[in-house]
Amino acid sequence: MITVSEVMTYLVENRAAGLPAASLAEVFDRLTWCLSDNGGEMLRVRKDWLECDDPVKIEVALGMSETFPYETREEMVAKFDRIADRWPRLTGRCDKIIRMWDQQFPARSRTHPEQSVYNSHPEILPTML
C-alpha cells in the first residue's frame, strides 16, 4: 500500500517545471480534509518536512496554511529559527506564520493545539473553482 508520505514526495519530485511551492501546498491543504484521518498523516509529513534538509519540501510545508504546524508558539519559533538560519529566503514566510499565530492567539495564551488560520484570516481562504 502506498503511503501519504510517498504520494506527497512523488508530487514534489514530479511537479511541473516552474510550479510555485505555494501551488502544491494549496493542493495538500485541500487534500487534508479529503482523507479519512482529516489529514493527520499529511500534517505529520509536513512536520517531518519542516525538519528535513530539502528546501523545496520545507517551502511547500511552510506554504500549507490550513493549520499551524506546531502546537505551541515556542516550538514553532524554535523550528522556524533553524529554517531561517539555513535558508534566509524562507524567513519572510516563517515570520508571517508567527504573526498569524500572534493575531489568532493573544500573547497571554500562546499554547494552543493546531488551529485553522482561516478562522481569523478569511482573506487567505482559497478561491473555490
N, C-alpha and C. Protein backbone atom coordinates (compact mmCIF):
# COMPACT_ATOMS: atom_id res chain seq x y z
N MET A 1 0.84 -1.18 0.00
CA MET A 1 0.00 0.00 0.00
C MET A 1 0.89 1.24 0.00
N ILE A 2 0.54 2.19 -0.81
CA ILE A 2 1.30 3.44 -0.90
C ILE A 2 0.93 4.35 0.28
N THR A 3 1.91 5.06 0.81
CA THR A 3 1.67 5.93 1.96
C THR A 3 1.43 7.37 1.51
N VAL A 4 0.84 8.14 2.40
CA VAL A 4 0.63 9.56 2.15
C VAL A 4 1.98 10.25 1.92
N SER A 5 2.96 9.89 2.70
CA SER A 5 4.30 10.46 2.55
C SER A 5 4.86 10.20 1.16
N GLU A 6 4.67 8.99 0.66
CA GLU A 6 5.17 8.65 -0.68
C GLU A 6 4.44 9.46 -1.76
N VAL A 7 3.14 9.64 -1.59
CA VAL A 7 2.37 10.42 -2.56
C VAL A 7 2.83 11.87 -2.56
N MET A 8 2.98 12.43 -1.37
CA MET A 8 3.41 13.83 -1.26
C MET A 8 4.80 14.01 -1.86
N THR A 9 5.70 13.10 -1.53
CA THR A 9 7.06 13.18 -2.07
C THR A 9 7.05 13.04 -3.59
N TYR A 10 6.26 12.11 -4.10
CA TYR A 10 6.15 11.94 -5.54
C TYR A 10 5.69 13.23 -6.21
N LEU A 11 4.67 13.86 -5.64
CA LEU A 11 4.15 15.09 -6.23
C LEU A 11 5.19 16.21 -6.22
N VAL A 12 5.96 16.33 -5.15
CA VAL A 12 7.01 17.35 -5.09
C VAL A 12 8.09 17.06 -6.12
N GLU A 13 8.52 15.81 -6.19
CA GLU A 13 9.62 15.45 -7.09
C GLU A 13 9.21 15.48 -8.56
N ASN A 14 7.93 15.38 -8.85
CA ASN A 14 7.46 15.32 -10.24
C ASN A 14 6.55 16.48 -10.61
N ARG A 15 6.66 17.58 -9.87
CA ARG A 15 5.82 18.74 -10.16
C ARG A 15 6.26 19.38 -11.48
N ALA A 16 5.35 20.10 -12.07
CA ALA A 16 5.63 20.79 -13.32
C ALA A 16 6.74 21.81 -13.11
N ALA A 17 7.57 21.96 -14.12
CA ALA A 17 8.66 22.95 -14.05
C ALA A 17 8.07 24.33 -13.79
N GLY A 18 8.63 25.02 -12.83
CA GLY A 18 8.19 26.37 -12.53
C GLY A 18 6.97 26.46 -11.62
N LEU A 19 6.41 25.33 -11.22
CA LEU A 19 5.25 25.37 -10.32
C LEU A 19 5.69 25.90 -8.96
N PRO A 20 5.08 26.98 -8.50
CA PRO A 20 5.46 27.53 -7.20
C PRO A 20 5.12 26.56 -6.07
N ALA A 21 5.94 26.57 -5.03
CA ALA A 21 5.69 25.73 -3.86
C ALA A 21 4.31 25.99 -3.28
N ALA A 22 3.88 27.24 -3.32
CA ALA A 22 2.58 27.61 -2.76
C ALA A 22 1.43 26.89 -3.47
N SER A 23 1.58 26.64 -4.76
CA SER A 23 0.53 25.95 -5.51
C SER A 23 0.39 24.50 -5.06
N LEU A 24 1.52 23.83 -4.85
CA LEU A 24 1.47 22.46 -4.37
C LEU A 24 0.98 22.42 -2.91
N ALA A 25 1.39 23.40 -2.12
CA ALA A 25 0.92 23.49 -0.73
C ALA A 25 -0.60 23.62 -0.69
N GLU A 26 -1.17 24.39 -1.62
CA GLU A 26 -2.62 24.55 -1.67
C GLU A 26 -3.31 23.22 -1.97
N VAL A 27 -2.72 22.43 -2.87
CA VAL A 27 -3.27 21.11 -3.17
C VAL A 27 -3.26 20.25 -1.91
N PHE A 28 -2.15 20.27 -1.19
CA PHE A 28 -2.06 19.48 0.05
C PHE A 28 -3.08 19.97 1.08
N ASP A 29 -3.25 21.27 1.18
CA ASP A 29 -4.26 21.81 2.11
C ASP A 29 -5.65 21.29 1.77
N ARG A 30 -5.97 21.28 0.51
CA ARG A 30 -7.30 20.81 0.10
C ARG A 30 -7.45 19.32 0.36
N LEU A 31 -6.40 18.56 0.10
CA LEU A 31 -6.45 17.11 0.33
C LEU A 31 -6.56 16.77 1.81
N THR A 32 -6.08 17.66 2.67
CA THR A 32 -6.12 17.41 4.11
C THR A 32 -7.51 16.97 4.55
N TRP A 33 -8.52 17.66 4.07
CA TRP A 33 -9.90 17.40 4.52
C TRP A 33 -10.59 16.32 3.70
N CYS A 34 -9.89 15.76 2.71
CA CYS A 34 -10.47 14.70 1.88
C CYS A 34 -10.13 13.31 2.38
N LEU A 35 -9.23 13.23 3.33
CA LEU A 35 -8.77 11.93 3.82
C LEU A 35 -9.53 11.51 5.07
N SER A 36 -9.66 10.22 5.26
CA SER A 36 -10.44 9.70 6.39
C SER A 36 -9.88 10.11 7.75
N ASP A 37 -8.58 10.41 7.81
CA ASP A 37 -7.98 10.83 9.08
C ASP A 37 -7.93 12.36 9.22
N ASN A 38 -8.71 13.06 8.38
CA ASN A 38 -8.72 14.53 8.36
C ASN A 38 -7.33 15.11 8.16
N GLY A 39 -6.52 14.41 7.39
CA GLY A 39 -5.20 14.91 7.06
C GLY A 39 -4.14 14.70 8.12
N GLY A 40 -4.44 13.89 9.11
CA GLY A 40 -3.47 13.68 10.19
C GLY A 40 -2.10 13.23 9.69
N GLU A 41 -2.09 12.30 8.75
CA GLU A 41 -0.82 11.82 8.21
C GLU A 41 -0.13 12.91 7.40
N MET A 42 -0.91 13.68 6.64
CA MET A 42 -0.32 14.78 5.87
C MET A 42 0.34 15.79 6.80
N LEU A 43 -0.30 16.07 7.91
CA LEU A 43 0.25 17.05 8.85
C LEU A 43 1.51 16.51 9.52
N ARG A 44 1.58 15.19 9.73
CA ARG A 44 2.81 14.59 10.27
C ARG A 44 3.94 14.69 9.24
N VAL A 45 3.60 14.46 7.98
CA VAL A 45 4.60 14.59 6.91
C VAL A 45 5.09 16.03 6.85
N ARG A 46 4.18 16.98 6.96
CA ARG A 46 4.58 18.39 6.94
C ARG A 46 5.58 18.68 8.05
N LYS A 47 5.32 18.19 9.24
CA LYS A 47 6.27 18.40 10.35
C LYS A 47 7.63 17.78 10.01
N ASP A 48 7.61 16.58 9.45
CA ASP A 48 8.87 15.94 9.06
C ASP A 48 9.61 16.79 8.02
N TRP A 49 8.87 17.32 7.07
CA TRP A 49 9.48 18.14 6.03
C TRP A 49 10.08 19.43 6.60
N LEU A 50 9.44 20.00 7.61
CA LEU A 50 9.98 21.22 8.22
C LEU A 50 11.29 20.97 8.95
N GLU A 51 11.61 19.71 9.18
CA GLU A 51 12.86 19.37 9.86
C GLU A 51 13.84 18.66 8.94
N CYS A 52 13.52 18.58 7.65
CA CYS A 52 14.40 17.89 6.72
C CYS A 52 15.44 18.85 6.13
N ASP A 53 16.25 18.35 5.22
CA ASP A 53 17.29 19.15 4.59
C ASP A 53 16.96 19.54 3.15
N ASP A 54 15.73 19.38 2.76
CA ASP A 54 15.31 19.68 1.40
C ASP A 54 14.54 21.01 1.38
N PRO A 55 15.16 22.08 0.86
CA PRO A 55 14.50 23.38 0.89
C PRO A 55 13.18 23.42 0.12
N VAL A 56 13.01 22.60 -0.89
CA VAL A 56 11.75 22.58 -1.64
C VAL A 56 10.64 22.01 -0.77
N LYS A 57 10.91 20.90 -0.10
CA LYS A 57 9.90 20.32 0.80
C LYS A 57 9.58 21.29 1.93
N ILE A 58 10.58 21.96 2.45
CA ILE A 58 10.36 22.92 3.52
C ILE A 58 9.48 24.06 3.03
N GLU A 59 9.76 24.55 1.84
CA GLU A 59 8.95 25.65 1.29
C GLU A 59 7.50 25.22 1.08
N VAL A 60 7.29 24.01 0.59
CA VAL A 60 5.93 23.50 0.42
C VAL A 60 5.25 23.39 1.79
N ALA A 61 5.96 22.84 2.76
CA ALA A 61 5.39 22.68 4.11
C ALA A 61 5.04 24.03 4.72
N LEU A 62 5.88 25.03 4.51
CA LEU A 62 5.59 26.37 5.03
C LEU A 62 4.40 26.99 4.31
N GLY A 63 4.15 26.58 3.08
CA GLY A 63 3.04 27.12 2.32
C GLY A 63 1.69 26.54 2.70
N MET A 64 1.70 25.43 3.41
CA MET A 64 0.44 24.84 3.86
C MET A 64 -0.14 25.73 4.96
N SER A 65 -1.35 26.20 4.75
CA SER A 65 -1.89 27.21 5.67
C SER A 65 -3.20 26.80 6.34
N GLU A 66 -3.60 25.58 6.17
CA GLU A 66 -4.87 25.14 6.75
C GLU A 66 -4.80 25.03 8.28
N THR A 67 -3.65 24.66 8.80
CA THR A 67 -3.44 24.59 10.25
C THR A 67 -2.03 25.08 10.56
N PHE A 68 -1.79 25.40 11.81
CA PHE A 68 -0.43 25.72 12.23
C PHE A 68 0.34 24.41 12.36
N PRO A 69 1.63 24.43 12.04
CA PRO A 69 2.39 23.18 12.03
C PRO A 69 2.78 22.66 13.41
N TYR A 70 2.75 23.49 14.44
CA TYR A 70 3.17 23.07 15.77
C TYR A 70 2.13 23.47 16.80
N GLU A 71 2.17 22.81 17.93
CA GLU A 71 1.16 23.02 18.97
C GLU A 71 1.43 24.26 19.82
N THR A 72 2.66 24.72 19.86
CA THR A 72 2.96 25.91 20.66
C THR A 72 3.75 26.91 19.82
N ARG A 73 3.63 28.16 20.20
CA ARG A 73 4.38 29.22 19.53
C ARG A 73 5.88 29.00 19.73
N GLU A 74 6.24 28.60 20.92
CA GLU A 74 7.66 28.42 21.25
C GLU A 74 8.30 27.36 20.36
N GLU A 75 7.60 26.24 20.16
CA GLU A 75 8.13 25.19 19.29
C GLU A 75 8.23 25.69 17.86
N MET A 76 7.22 26.41 17.42
CA MET A 76 7.22 26.94 16.06
C MET A 76 8.39 27.90 15.86
N VAL A 77 8.61 28.80 16.81
CA VAL A 77 9.71 29.76 16.69
C VAL A 77 11.05 29.03 16.65
N ALA A 78 11.23 28.04 17.50
CA ALA A 78 12.49 27.29 17.52
C ALA A 78 12.75 26.60 16.17
N LYS A 79 11.73 25.95 15.63
CA LYS A 79 11.88 25.26 14.34
C LYS A 79 12.10 26.25 13.21
N PHE A 80 11.34 27.36 13.24
CA PHE A 80 11.46 28.35 12.18
C PHE A 80 12.80 29.09 12.24
N ASP A 81 13.34 29.30 13.42
CA ASP A 81 14.67 29.92 13.54
C ASP A 81 15.72 29.08 12.83
N ARG A 82 15.63 27.76 12.99
CA ARG A 82 16.58 26.86 12.32
C ARG A 82 16.43 26.98 10.80
N ILE A 83 15.19 27.02 10.34
CA ILE A 83 14.94 27.14 8.90
C ILE A 83 15.48 28.47 8.38
N ALA A 84 15.16 29.56 9.07
CA ALA A 84 15.59 30.90 8.63
C ALA A 84 17.10 31.04 8.64
N ASP A 85 17.76 30.44 9.60
CA ASP A 85 19.23 30.48 9.65
C ASP A 85 19.84 29.76 8.45
N ARG A 86 19.24 28.65 8.08
CA ARG A 86 19.81 27.84 6.99
C ARG A 86 19.37 28.33 5.61
N TRP A 87 18.12 28.79 5.50
CA TRP A 87 17.58 29.26 4.22
C TRP A 87 16.96 30.63 4.44
N PRO A 88 17.75 31.69 4.43
CA PRO A 88 17.25 33.04 4.71
C PRO A 88 16.09 33.48 3.82
N ARG A 89 16.00 32.98 2.60
CA ARG A 89 14.91 33.38 1.71
C ARG A 89 13.55 32.92 2.23
N LEU A 90 13.52 31.98 3.20
CA LEU A 90 12.27 31.49 3.76
C LEU A 90 11.88 32.22 5.05
N THR A 91 12.71 33.18 5.46
CA THR A 91 12.46 33.92 6.70
C THR A 91 11.11 34.64 6.67
N GLY A 92 10.79 35.27 5.57
CA GLY A 92 9.54 36.02 5.47
C GLY A 92 8.32 35.14 5.69
N ARG A 93 8.32 33.94 5.11
CA ARG A 93 7.18 33.03 5.29
C ARG A 93 7.10 32.57 6.75
N CYS A 94 8.25 32.26 7.33
CA CYS A 94 8.27 31.85 8.75
C CYS A 94 7.70 32.97 9.62
N ASP A 95 8.16 34.18 9.37
CA ASP A 95 7.69 35.34 10.16
C ASP A 95 6.18 35.55 9.98
N LYS A 96 5.69 35.35 8.76
CA LYS A 96 4.26 35.54 8.50
C LYS A 96 3.42 34.54 9.30
N ILE A 97 3.87 33.31 9.37
CA ILE A 97 3.13 32.30 10.13
C ILE A 97 3.11 32.65 11.61
N ILE A 98 4.24 33.12 12.13
CA ILE A 98 4.30 33.53 13.55
C ILE A 98 3.35 34.71 13.78
N ARG A 99 3.34 35.68 12.87
CA ARG A 99 2.42 36.82 13.02
C ARG A 99 0.96 36.37 13.00
N MET A 100 0.65 35.42 12.12
CA MET A 100 -0.71 34.91 12.07
C MET A 100 -1.08 34.23 13.39
N TRP A 101 -0.15 33.48 13.98
CA TRP A 101 -0.38 32.86 15.29
C TRP A 101 -0.67 33.95 16.32
N ASP A 102 0.18 34.98 16.34
CA ASP A 102 0.04 36.04 17.33
C ASP A 102 -1.29 36.78 17.18
N GLN A 103 -1.77 36.92 15.95
CA GLN A 103 -3.06 37.57 15.72
C GLN A 103 -4.21 36.68 16.17
N GLN A 104 -4.07 35.39 15.95
CA GLN A 104 -5.15 34.48 16.30
C GLN A 104 -5.18 34.17 17.80
N PHE A 105 -4.00 34.10 18.41
CA PHE A 105 -3.91 33.76 19.83
C PHE A 105 -3.19 34.88 20.56
N PRO A 106 -3.86 35.56 21.45
CA PRO A 106 -3.22 36.64 22.20
C PRO A 106 -1.96 36.16 22.93
N ALA A 107 -1.04 37.08 23.16
CA ALA A 107 0.24 36.76 23.79
C ALA A 107 0.07 36.05 25.13
N ARG A 108 -0.99 36.33 25.83
CA ARG A 108 -1.17 35.73 27.16
C ARG A 108 -1.50 34.25 27.10
N SER A 109 -1.88 33.74 25.92
CA SER A 109 -2.22 32.31 25.82
C SER A 109 -1.65 31.75 24.52
N ARG A 110 -0.38 31.51 24.50
CA ARG A 110 0.30 31.10 23.27
C ARG A 110 0.52 29.58 23.18
N THR A 111 -0.20 28.81 23.92
CA THR A 111 -0.05 27.36 23.81
C THR A 111 -1.38 26.73 23.47
N HIS A 112 -1.66 26.67 22.17
CA HIS A 112 -2.89 26.09 21.66
C HIS A 112 -2.55 24.98 20.68
N PRO A 113 -3.41 23.98 20.56
CA PRO A 113 -3.19 22.95 19.55
C PRO A 113 -3.35 23.53 18.15
N GLU A 114 -3.00 22.73 17.16
CA GLU A 114 -3.12 23.18 15.78
C GLU A 114 -4.52 23.74 15.56
N GLN A 115 -4.58 24.91 14.98
CA GLN A 115 -5.84 25.59 14.73
C GLN A 115 -5.87 26.04 13.27
N SER A 116 -7.04 26.18 12.75
CA SER A 116 -7.18 26.67 11.39
C SER A 116 -6.92 28.17 11.36
N VAL A 117 -6.04 28.61 10.47
CA VAL A 117 -5.78 30.04 10.34
C VAL A 117 -6.94 30.74 9.65
N TYR A 118 -7.83 30.00 9.01
CA TYR A 118 -8.93 30.62 8.31
C TYR A 118 -9.96 31.22 9.27
N ASN A 119 -9.96 30.78 10.52
CA ASN A 119 -10.91 31.34 11.49
C ASN A 119 -10.75 32.85 11.61
N SER A 120 -9.51 33.32 11.70
CA SER A 120 -9.29 34.74 11.89
C SER A 120 -8.70 35.41 10.66
N HIS A 121 -8.47 34.66 9.59
CA HIS A 121 -7.87 35.22 8.37
C HIS A 121 -8.65 34.76 7.14
N PRO A 122 -9.92 35.18 7.02
CA PRO A 122 -10.70 34.72 5.87
C PRO A 122 -10.13 35.19 4.54
N GLU A 123 -9.28 36.22 4.56
CA GLU A 123 -8.71 36.71 3.30
C GLU A 123 -7.78 35.72 2.64
N ILE A 124 -7.33 34.69 3.39
CA ILE A 124 -6.44 33.71 2.78
C ILE A 124 -7.17 32.44 2.36
N LEU A 125 -8.51 32.45 2.46
CA LEU A 125 -9.26 31.29 2.00
C LEU A 125 -8.99 31.07 0.52
N PRO A 126 -8.74 29.82 0.14
CA PRO A 126 -8.52 29.57 -1.28
C PRO A 126 -9.81 29.83 -2.06
N THR A 127 -9.63 30.29 -3.27
CA THR A 127 -10.81 30.53 -4.10
C THR A 127 -11.36 29.18 -4.56
N MET A 128 -12.65 29.07 -4.58
CA MET A 128 -13.29 27.81 -4.99
C MET A 128 -13.49 27.85 -6.50
N LEU A 129 -13.29 26.74 -7.13
CA LEU A 129 -13.47 26.64 -8.60
C LEU A 129 -14.92 26.42 -8.93
